PDB file of N, CA and C in Angstrom:
ATOM      1  N   MET A   1       0.686  -0.938  -0.227  1.00  0.00           N
ATOM      2  CA  MET A   1       0.066  -0.049   0.001  1.00  0.00           C
ATOM      3  C   MET A   1       1.210   1.061  -0.254  1.00  0.00           C
ATOM      4  N   GLY A   2       0.387   1.938  -0.584  1.00  0.00           N
ATOM      5  CA  GLY A   2       1.304   3.247  -0.612  1.00  0.00           C
ATOM      6  C   GLY A   2       1.923   3.693  -1.705  1.00  0.00           C
ATOM      7  N   ALA A   3       1.743   2.717  -2.579  1.00  0.00           N
ATOM      8  CA  ALA A   3       3.211   2.543  -3.524  1.00  0.00           C
ATOM      9  C   ALA A   3       2.718   3.222  -5.140  1.00  0.00           C
ATOM     10  N   ALA A   4       1.665   2.778  -5.240  1.00  0.00           N
ATOM     11  CA  ALA A   4       0.962   3.288  -6.523  1.00  0.00           C
ATOM     12  C   ALA A   4      -0.696   3.212  -6.231  1.00  0.00           C
ATOM     13  N   PRO A   5      -1.099   4.830  -6.312  1.00  0.00           N
ATOM     14  CA  PRO A   5      -2.810   5.061  -5.764  1.00  0.00           C
ATOM     15  C   PRO A   5      -3.288   4.120  -6.550  1.00  0.00           C
ATOM     16  N   ALA A   6      -3.446   4.299  -7.411  1.00  0.00           N
ATOM     17  CA  ALA A   6      -4.828   3.156  -8.309  1.00  0.00           C
ATOM     18  C   ALA A   6      -4.887   1.723  -7.922  1.00  0.00           C
ATOM     19  N   ARG A   7      -4.068   1.314  -7.511  1.00  0.00           N
ATOM     20  CA  ARG A   7      -3.780   0.152  -6.909  1.00  0.00           C
ATOM     21  C   ARG A   7      -4.217  -0.186  -5.836  1.00  0.00           C
ATOM     22  N   ASP A   8      -4.174   1.486  -4.750  1.00  0.00           N
ATOM     23  CA  ASP A   8      -4.520   0.430  -3.735  1.00  0.00           C
ATOM     24  C   ASP A   8      -5.773   1.081  -3.422  1.00  0.00           C
ATOM     25  N   THR A   9      -6.246   1.341  -4.818  1.00  0.00           N
ATOM     26  CA  THR A   9      -7.706   2.197  -4.371  1.00  0.00           C
ATOM     27  C   THR A   9      -8.251   1.011  -5.239  1.00  0.00           C
ATOM     28  N   ILE A  10      -7.783  -0.375  -5.912  1.00  0.00           N
ATOM     29  CA  ILE A  10      -8.697  -1.414  -6.021  1.00  0.00           C
ATOM     30  C   ILE A  10      -8.824  -2.812  -5.108  1.00  0.00           C
ATOM     31  N   LEU A  11      -7.285  -2.246  -4.550  1.00  0.00           N
ATOM     32  CA  LEU A  11      -7.467  -3.090  -3.192  1.00  0.00           C
ATOM     33  C   LEU A  11      -8.263  -2.762  -2.297  1.00  0.00           C
ATOM     34  N   GLN A  12      -8.465  -1.609  -2.176  1.00  0.00           N
ATOM     35  CA  GLN A  12      -9.913  -1.373  -0.750  1.00  0.00           C
ATOM     36  C   GLN A  12     -10.781  -1.581  -1.310  1.00  0.00           C
ATOM     37  N   ARG A  13     -11.063  -1.496  -2.700  1.00  0.00           N
ATOM     38  CA  ARG A  13     -12.406  -1.801  -3.221  1.00  0.00           C
ATOM     39  C   ARG A  13     -12.777  -3.921  -2.845  1.00  0.00           C
ATOM     40  N   VAL A  14     -11.912  -3.970  -2.846  1.00  0.00           N
ATOM     41  CA  VAL A  14     -11.852  -5.774  -2.265  1.00  0.00           C
ATOM     42  C   VAL A  14     -12.024  -6.312  -1.287  1.00  0.00           C
ATOM     43  N   PHE A  15     -10.803  -5.030  -0.283  1.00  0.00           N
ATOM     44  CA  PHE A  15     -10.690  -6.102   0.636  1.00  0.00           C
ATOM     45  C   PHE A  15     -11.152  -4.700   1.820  1.00  0.00           C
ATOM     46  N   GLY A  16     -11.203  -4.162   1.243  1.00  0.00           N
ATOM     47  CA  GLY A  16     -11.596  -2.743   2.599  1.00  0.00           C
ATOM     48  C   GLY A  16     -10.867  -2.102   2.145  1.00  0.00           C
ATOM     49  N   SER A  17     -10.296  -0.665   3.225  1.00  0.00           N
ATOM     50  CA  SER A  17      -9.972   0.075   4.428  1.00  0.00           C
ATOM     51  C   SER A  17      -8.857   0.515   5.090  1.00  0.00           C
ATOM     52  N   GLN A  18      -9.523  -1.086   5.709  1.00  0.00           N
ATOM     53  CA  GLN A  18      -8.610  -1.218   7.422  1.00  0.00           C
ATOM     54  C   GLN A  18      -7.659  -2.454   6.833  1.00  0.00           C
ATOM     55  N   PRO A  19      -6.162  -2.599   6.968  1.00  0.00           N
ATOM     56  CA  PRO A  19      -5.617  -4.171   7.130  1.00  0.00           C
ATOM     57  C   PRO A  19      -5.502  -4.957   6.982  1.00  0.00           C
ATOM     58  N   GLU A  20      -5.749  -4.690   8.472  1.00  0.00           N
ATOM     59  CA  GLU A  20      -6.184  -5.543   9.446  1.00  0.00           C
ATOM     60  C   GLU A  20      -7.534  -6.773   9.288  1.00  0.00           C
ATOM     61  N   ALA A  21      -8.041  -5.856   8.937  1.00  0.00           N
ATOM     62  CA  ALA A  21      -9.499  -6.872   8.307  1.00  0.00           C
ATOM     63  C   ALA A  21      -9.417  -7.058   7.034  1.00  0.00           C
ATOM     64  N   ALA A  22      -8.362  -6.728   6.338  1.00  0.00           N
ATOM     65  CA  ALA A  22      -8.391  -7.299   4.616  1.00  0.00           C
ATOM     66  C   ALA A  22      -7.693  -8.264   4.615  1.00  0.00           C
ATOM     67  N   GLU A  23      -6.631  -8.141   6.035  1.00  0.00           N
ATOM     68  CA  GLU A  23      -5.839  -9.885   5.953  1.00  0.00           C
ATOM     69  C   GLU A  23      -6.401 -10.591   6.314  1.00  0.00           C
ATOM     70  N   GLN A  24      -7.685 -10.494   7.851  1.00  0.00           N
ATOM     71  CA  GLN A  24      -9.129 -11.684   8.009  1.00  0.00           C
ATOM     72  C   GLN A  24      -9.711 -12.102   6.749  1.00  0.00           C
ATOM     73  N   ARG A  25      -9.662 -11.062   6.059  1.00  0.00           N
ATOM     74  CA  ARG A  25     -11.190 -11.383   4.940  1.00  0.00           C
ATOM     75  C   ARG A  25     -10.236 -12.381   4.003  1.00  0.00           C
ATOM     76  N   LEU A  26      -8.769 -11.558   3.176  1.00  0.00           N
ATOM     77  CA  LEU A  26      -8.543 -12.620   2.565  1.00  0.00           C
ATOM     78  C   LEU A  26      -7.699 -14.579   3.786  1.00  0.00           C
ATOM     79  N   ARG A  27      -7.907 -14.547   4.519  1.00  0.00           N
ATOM     80  CA  ARG A  27      -7.581 -15.693   4.858  1.00  0.00           C
ATOM     81  C   ARG A  27      -8.304 -16.246   4.926  1.00  0.00           C
ATOM     82  N   GLN A  28      -9.429 -15.232   5.995  1.00  0.00           N
ATOM     83  CA  GLN A  28     -11.560 -16.292   5.621  1.00  0.00           C
ATOM     84  C   GLN A  28     -11.525 -16.551   4.699  1.00  0.00           C
ATOM     85  N   PHE A  29     -11.683 -16.206   2.997  1.00  0.00           N
ATOM     86  CA  PHE A  29     -11.243 -16.605   1.911  1.00  0.00           C
ATOM     87  C   PHE A  29     -10.880 -17.538   1.292  1.00  0.00           C
ATOM     88  N   LEU A  30      -9.040 -17.400   1.274  1.00  0.00           N
ATOM     89  CA  LEU A  30      -8.698 -18.383   1.319  1.00  0.00           C
ATOM     90  C   LEU A  30      -9.413 -20.109   2.161  1.00  0.00           C
ATOM     91  N   GLN A  31      -9.728 -19.765   3.800  1.00  0.00           N
ATOM     92  CA  GLN A  31     -10.112 -20.732   3.958  1.00  0.00           C
ATOM     93  C   GLN A  31     -11.118 -21.143   3.209  1.00  0.00           C
ATOM     94  N   GLN A  32     -12.306 -21.067   2.693  1.00  0.00           N
ATOM     95  CA  GLN A  32     -13.061 -20.796   2.227  1.00  0.00           C
ATOM     96  C   GLN A  32     -13.202 -21.731   0.658  1.00  0.00           C
ATOM     97  N   VAL A  33     -12.493 -21.650  -0.421  1.00  0.00           N
ATOM     98  CA  VAL A  33     -12.005 -22.125  -0.841  1.00  0.00           C
ATOM     99  C   VAL A  33     -11.069 -23.540  -1.187  1.00  0.00           C
ATOM    100  N   GLU A  34     -10.728 -23.584   0.408  1.00  0.00           N
ATOM    101  CA  GLU A  34      -9.583 -24.553   0.355  1.00  0.00           C
ATOM    102  C   GLU A  34      -7.935 -24.525   0.248  1.00  0.00           C
ATOM    103  N   VAL A  35      -7.597 -23.458   0.503  1.00  0.00           N
ATOM    104  CA  VAL A  35      -6.308 -22.803   0.198  1.00  0.00           C
ATOM    105  C   VAL A  35      -5.375 -22.556   1.212  1.00  0.00           C
ATOM    106  N   GLY A  36      -4.800 -23.015   2.181  1.00  0.00           N
ATOM    107  CA  GLY A  36      -3.219 -22.369   2.979  1.00  0.00           C
ATOM    108  C   GLY A  36      -2.843 -21.433   2.477  1.00  0.00           C
ATOM    109  N   SER A  37      -3.163 -20.272   3.386  1.00  0.00           N
ATOM    110  CA  SER A  37      -2.682 -19.518   3.467  1.00  0.00           C
ATOM    111  C   SER A  37      -0.895 -19.531   4.123  1.00  0.00           C
ATOM    112  N   ARG A  38      -0.671 -20.070   5.318  1.00  0.00           N
ATOM    113  CA  ARG A  38       0.592 -20.085   5.868  1.00  0.00           C
ATOM    114  C   ARG A  38       1.647 -21.503   5.059  1.00  0.00           C
ATOM    115  N   PHE A  39       2.800 -20.194   5.586  1.00  0.00           N
ATOM    116  CA  PHE A  39       4.079 -21.660   5.183  1.00  0.00           C
ATOM    117  C   PHE A  39       4.308 -22.819   5.716  1.00  0.00           C
ATOM    118  N   SER A  40       3.297 -22.658   7.424  1.00  0.00           N
ATOM    119  CA  SER A  40       3.097 -23.870   7.983  1.00  0.00           C
ATOM    120  C   SER A  40       1.458 -24.408   7.727  1.00  0.00           C
ATOM    121  N   ASP A  41       1.564 -24.470   7.124  1.00  0.00           N
ATOM    122  CA  ASP A  41       0.240 -24.987   6.560  1.00  0.00           C
ATOM    123  C   ASP A  41       0.440 -26.954   5.363  1.00  0.00           C
ATOM    124  N   TYR A  42       1.806 -27.232   5.280  1.00  0.00           N
ATOM    125  CA  TYR A  42       3.184 -27.414   4.654  1.00  0.00           C
ATOM    126  C   TYR A  42       2.277 -29.001   4.489  1.00  0.00           C
ATOM    127  N   ALA A  43       2.455 -29.622   5.898  1.00  0.00           N
ATOM    128  CA  ALA A  43       1.746 -30.597   5.965  1.00  0.00           C
ATOM    129  C   ALA A  43       0.136 -30.775   5.028  1.00  0.00           C
ATOM    130  N   ASP A  44      -0.809 -30.513   5.442  1.00  0.00           N
ATOM    131  CA  ASP A  44      -1.679 -29.937   4.389  1.00  0.00           C
ATOM    132  C   ASP A  44      -1.863 -30.562   2.275  1.00  0.00           C
ATOM    133  N   TYR A  45      -0.101 -29.852   2.271  1.00  0.00           N
ATOM    134  CA  TYR A  45       0.364 -30.612   0.843  1.00  0.00           C
ATOM    135  C   TYR A  45       0.963 -31.654   0.809  1.00  0.00           C
ATOM    136  N   GLY A  46       1.148 -32.526   1.728  1.00  0.00           N
ATOM    137  CA  GLY A  46       2.227 -33.933   1.557  1.00  0.00           C
ATOM    138  C   GLY A  46       3.742 -33.024   1.548  1.00  0.00           C
ATOM    139  N   ILE A  47       3.458 -32.545   2.439  1.00  0.00           N
ATOM    140  CA  ILE A  47       5.089 -32.103   2.341  1.00  0.00           C
ATOM    141  C   ILE A  47       5.569 -32.564   3.324  1.00  0.00           C
ATOM    142  N   ALA A  48       7.076 -33.084   3.919  1.00  0.00           N
ATOM    143  CA  ALA A  48       7.530 -33.458   5.640  1.00  0.00           C
ATOM    144  C   ALA A  48       7.995 -31.905   5.702  1.00  0.00           C
ATOM    145  N   ALA A  49       8.065 -32.272   7.762  1.00  0.00           N
ATOM    146  CA  ALA A  49       8.804 -30.932   7.796  1.00  0.00           C
ATOM    147  C   ALA A  49       9.311 -30.987   8.121  1.00  0.00           C
ATOM    148  N   GLU A  50      10.294 -32.236   7.258  1.00  0.00           N
ATOM    149  CA  GLU A  50      12.087 -31.604   7.027  1.00  0.00           C
ATOM    150  C   GLU A  50      11.546 -31.656   4.889  1.00  0.00           C
ATOM    151  N   GLU A  51      10.866 -31.334   4.676  1.00  0.00           N
ATOM    152  CA  GLU A  51      11.246 -30.966   2.592  1.00  0.00           C
ATOM    153  C   GLU A  51      10.787 -29.740   3.312  1.00  0.00           C
ATOM    154  N   ALA A  52      10.077 -28.988   4.382  1.00  0.00           N
ATOM    155  CA  ALA A  52       9.552 -28.008   4.615  1.00  0.00           C
ATOM    156  C   ALA A  52      11.012 -27.110   4.971  1.00  0.00           C
ATOM    157  N   GLN A  53      11.432 -27.182   5.681  1.00  0.00           N
ATOM    158  CA  GLN A  53      12.222 -26.838   6.644  1.00  0.00           C
ATOM    159  C   GLN A  53      14.120 -26.756   5.556  1.00  0.00           C
ATOM    160  N   SER A  54      13.779 -27.706   4.384  1.00  0.00           N
ATOM    161  CA  SER A  54      14.654 -27.947   3.388  1.00  0.00           C
ATOM    162  C   SER A  54      14.675 -26.659   2.384  1.00  0.00           C
ATOM    163  N   MET A  55      13.732 -26.098   2.096  1.00  0.00           N
ATOM    164  CA  MET A  55      12.851 -25.636   0.893  1.00  0.00           C
ATOM    165  C   MET A  55      13.047 -24.607   1.618  1.00  0.00           C
ATOM    166  N   VAL A  56      12.522 -23.625   2.057  1.00  0.00           N
ATOM    167  CA  VAL A  56      12.906 -22.500   3.428  1.00  0.00           C
ATOM    168  C   VAL A  56      15.199 -22.059   3.347  1.00  0.00           C
ATOM    169  N   ARG A  57      15.200 -22.956   3.741  1.00  0.00           N
ATOM    170  CA  ARG A  57      16.974 -22.611   4.094  1.00  0.00           C
ATOM    171  C   ARG A  57      17.206 -22.427   2.335  1.00  0.00           C
ATOM    172  N   ARG A  58      16.510 -23.566   1.395  1.00  0.00           N
ATOM    173  CA  ARG A  58      16.861 -23.204   0.312  1.00  0.00           C
ATOM    174  C   ARG A  58      17.145 -21.531  -0.611  1.00  0.00           C
ATOM    175  N   ALA A  59      15.636 -21.191   0.048  1.00  0.00           N
ATOM    176  CA  ALA A  59      15.326 -19.892  -0.811  1.00  0.00           C
ATOM    177  C   ALA A  59      15.613 -18.572  -0.285  1.00  0.00           C
ATOM    178  N   MET A  60      15.923 -19.683   1.396  1.00  0.00           N
ATOM    179  CA  MET A  60      16.742 -17.627   2.143  1.00  0.00           C
ATOM    180  C   MET A  60      18.349 -17.603   1.267  1.00  0.00           C
ATOM    181  N   ASP A  61      18.834 -19.178   0.714  1.00  0.00           N
ATOM    182  CA  ASP A  61      20.690 -18.539   0.552  1.00  0.00           C
ATOM    183  C   ASP A  61      20.105 -18.424  -1.248  1.00  0.00           C
ATOM    184  N   HIS A  62      19.228 -18.026  -2.013  1.00  0.00           N
ATOM    185  CA  HIS A  62      19.054 -17.406  -3.128  1.00  0.00           C
ATOM    186  C   HIS A  62      19.029 -15.619  -2.501  1.00  0.00           C
ATOM    187  N   ALA A  63      18.860 -14.914  -3.912  1.00  0.00           N
ATOM    188  CA  ALA A  63      19.100 -13.298  -3.495  1.00  0.00           C
ATOM    189  C   ALA A  63      17.881 -12.655  -2.612  1.00  0.00           C
ATOM    190  N   ARG A  64      16.676 -12.770  -3.048  1.00  0.00           N
ATOM    191  CA  ARG A  64      15.397 -12.400  -2.099  1.00  0.00           C
ATOM    192  C   ARG A  64      15.524 -12.659  -1.154  1.00  0.00           C
ATOM    193  N   GLY A  65      16.258 -14.006  -0.491  1.00  0.00           N
ATOM    194  CA  GLY A  65      16.019 -14.280   0.783  1.00  0.00           C
ATOM    195  C   GLY A  65      17.222 -13.901   1.741  1.00  0.00           C
ATOM    196  N   LYS A  66      18.260 -13.315   0.617  1.00  0.00           N
ATOM    197  CA  LYS A  66      19.125 -13.125   1.263  1.00  0.00           C
ATOM    198  C   LYS A  66      19.469 -11.551   1.378  1.00  0.00           C
ATOM    199  N   ASN A  67      18.231 -10.755   1.311  1.00  0.00           N
ATOM    200  CA  ASN A  67      18.007 -10.249   1.954  1.00  0.00           C
ATOM    201  C   ASN A  67      16.617  -9.289   2.638  1.00  0.00           C
ATOM    202  N   PHE A  68      15.879 -10.256   3.064  1.00  0.00           N
ATOM    203  CA  PHE A  68      14.752 -10.912   3.508  1.00  0.00           C
ATOM    204  C   PHE A  68      15.056 -10.314   5.098  1.00  0.00           C
ATOM    205  N   ILE A  69      14.239  -9.907   5.748  1.00  0.00           N
ATOM    206  CA  ILE A  69      14.489  -9.336   6.809  1.00  0.00           C
ATOM    207  C   ILE A  69      14.516  -9.736   7.944  1.00  0.00           C
ATOM    208  N   GLY A  70      13.819 -11.303   7.835  1.00  0.00           N
ATOM    209  CA  GLY A  70      13.932 -11.932   8.648  1.00  0.00           C
ATOM    210  C   GLY A  70      14.386 -13.328   8.635  1.00  0.00           C
ATOM    211  N   LYS A  71      15.675 -12.657   7.553  1.00  0.00           N
ATOM    212  CA  LYS A  71      17.016 -13.581   8.021  1.00  0.00           C
ATOM    213  C   LYS A  71      17.593 -13.818   9.537  1.00  0.00           C
ATOM    214  N   GLY A  72      17.566 -15.635   9.604  1.00  0.00           N
ATOM    215  CA  GLY A  72      17.667 -15.885  10.533  1.00  0.00           C
ATOM    216  C   GLY A  72      17.167 -16.171  11.764  1.00  0.00           C
ATOM    217  N   LYS A  73      15.682 -16.138  11.302  1.00  0.00           N
ATOM    218  CA  LYS A  73      14.928 -16.087  12.344  1.00  0.00           C
ATOM    219  C   LYS A  73      13.832 -17.207  11.374  1.00  0.00           C
ATOM    220  N   ALA A  74      14.263 -18.624   9.837  1.00  0.00           N
ATOM    221  CA  ALA A  74      13.903 -19.266   9.483  1.00  0.00           C
ATOM    222  C   ALA A  74      13.023 -19.760  10.584  1.00  0.00           C
ATOM    223  N   PRO A  75      11.778 -20.636   9.673  1.00  0.00           N
ATOM    224  CA  PRO A  75      10.827 -21.515  11.144  1.00  0.00           C
ATOM    225  C   PRO A  75      10.728 -22.784  11.474  1.00  0.00           C
ATOM    226  N   VAL A  76      11.424 -23.534  12.503  1.00  0.00           N
ATOM    227  CA  VAL A  76      11.566 -24.694  12.421  1.00  0.00           C
ATOM    228  C   VAL A  76      10.322 -25.034  12.531  1.00  0.00           C
ATOM    229  N   PHE A  77       9.969 -26.319  11.925  1.00  0.00           N
ATOM    230  CA  PHE A  77       9.347 -27.318  11.424  1.00  0.00           C
ATOM    231  C   PHE A  77       8.824 -28.189  12.761  1.00  0.00           C
ATOM    232  N   PRO A  78       7.616 -28.418  13.351  1.00  0.00           N
ATOM    233  CA  PRO A  78       7.635 -30.159  14.322  1.00  0.00           C
ATOM    234  C   PRO A  78       7.754 -30.907  13.193  1.00  0.00           C
TER     235      PRO A  78
END
C-alpha cells in the first residue's frame, strides 16, 4: 500500500480500507476455497517437516532470501 494510488484504490474496493480486516477477510476467503495461507500448512500439501525446512533454507540462500528482513529467523517445523 502507498506505492501506487490506483492499485491501492482497487485493493481497498476488494478488501476494505482497514489493513487488519483486509488480511482476515483474505485468509477467510482462502480457507473457504481450501487454500492454505501460511507456509506452516505444509503438511496439508503432503510435505514432510524436513522437506519444508529444506525449502526454507534453499530459499534463504537465493538473492531475495539474502535480503529478507527475517534472515536467521527461519521457522523450525515440528
